[in-house]
Protein backbone atom coordinates (compact mmCIF):
# COMPACT_ATOMS: atom_id res chain seq x y z
CA MET A 1 113.22 97.77 26.32
CA GLY A 2 109.91 98.06 24.45
CA THR A 3 107.97 97.40 27.68
CA MET A 4 109.64 100.31 29.44
CA LYS A 5 108.75 102.64 26.58
CA LYS A 6 105.13 101.50 26.73
CA GLN A 7 105.06 102.07 30.50
CA ASP A 8 106.50 105.56 30.07
CA GLN A 9 103.91 106.37 27.43
CA GLY A 10 101.15 105.00 29.66
CA GLN A 11 102.33 107.16 32.54
CA GLN A 12 102.48 110.19 30.26
CA THR A 13 98.91 109.54 29.14
CA LYS A 14 97.72 109.14 32.73
CA THR A 15 99.46 112.37 33.76
CA ALA A 16 97.98 114.19 30.76
CA ILE A 17 94.50 113.00 31.74
CA ILE A 18 94.99 114.18 35.33
CA GLU A 19 96.41 117.59 34.35
CA THR A 20 93.80 118.25 31.65
CA ALA A 21 90.94 117.10 33.87
CA ALA A 22 92.22 119.29 36.71
CA ASP A 23 92.20 122.34 34.42
CA ILE A 24 88.70 121.64 33.10
CA ILE A 25 87.34 120.86 36.57
CA HIS A 26 88.89 124.05 37.91
CA ILE A 27 86.85 126.02 35.35
CA ASN A 28 83.60 124.03 35.21
CA GLY A 29 83.48 122.21 38.55
CA PHE A 30 83.69 118.47 39.18
CA ARG A 31 80.03 117.64 38.62
CA SER A 32 79.77 119.71 35.44
CA THR A 33 82.82 118.11 33.84
CA SER A 34 82.18 114.95 31.84
CA ILE A 35 84.57 112.19 30.92
CA ASN A 36 83.69 112.88 27.28
CA GLU A 37 84.83 116.49 27.67
CA ILE A 38 88.17 115.33 29.08
CA ILE A 39 88.83 112.72 26.40
CA ASP A 40 87.73 115.10 23.63
CA GLN A 41 90.22 117.69 24.87
CA LEU A 42 93.00 115.08 24.80
CA ASN A 43 91.81 113.35 21.63
CA LEU A 44 91.68 110.01 23.48
CA THR A 45 89.29 107.09 23.30
CA LYS A 46 87.09 106.12 26.22
CA GLY A 47 89.07 102.87 26.32
CA ALA A 48 92.27 104.82 26.95
CA PHE A 49 90.59 106.74 29.78
CA PHE A 50 89.15 103.62 31.41
CA HIS A 51 92.51 101.85 31.08
CA HIS A 52 93.83 104.33 33.65
CA PHE A 53 90.74 105.14 35.74
CA GLN A 54 87.70 103.05 36.67
CA ASN A 55 85.46 106.12 36.85
CA LYS A 56 85.38 109.88 37.35
CA LYS A 57 85.56 109.55 41.14
CA GLU A 58 88.85 107.66 40.85
CA LEU A 59 90.13 110.41 38.54
CA GLY A 60 89.06 113.03 41.09
CA LEU A 61 91.03 111.26 43.81
CA ALA A 62 94.06 111.06 41.49
CA ILE A 63 93.82 114.83 40.92
CA ILE A 64 93.79 115.45 44.68
CA GLU A 65 96.84 113.21 45.08
CA TYR A 66 98.58 114.96 42.16
CA TRP A 67 98.06 118.41 43.70
CA TYR A 68 99.05 117.14 47.13
CA ARG A 69 102.41 115.95 45.75
CA ILE A 70 103.00 119.28 43.98
CA LEU A 71 102.08 121.41 46.99
CA ASN A 72 104.08 119.18 49.33
CA ALA A 73 107.17 119.42 47.10
CA ARG A 74 106.87 123.20 46.64
CA TRP A 75 105.81 124.32 50.10
CA VAL A 76 106.20 121.67 52.80
CA LYS A 77 109.50 119.96 51.92
CA PRO A 78 111.48 123.21 51.57
CA LEU A 79 110.24 124.37 54.97
CA GLU A 80 111.39 121.17 56.65
CA THR A 81 115.00 122.35 56.46
CA PHE A 82 114.29 125.52 58.47
CA ASP A 83 114.16 125.70 62.25
CA ASP A 84 111.57 128.50 62.17
CA PRO A 85 109.48 128.41 58.98
């Protein structure tokens, strides 16, 4: 039971990193956004960040995947049920 809670918390932290980083990157750009800026915004340690992502590039790819899932769920999946979208 305790393991599941820890996994849920870990997933929540990872999602928070992705969402916060996406917001900051949207404003400042990918190159201008530092890992320190992201962890400061979330009040995390660098260890917590690097537990979830090896580097900023891996985070960037996770953000792309995150937005792909959202856009797919909101726009593509609903249109699949129509004959003429």
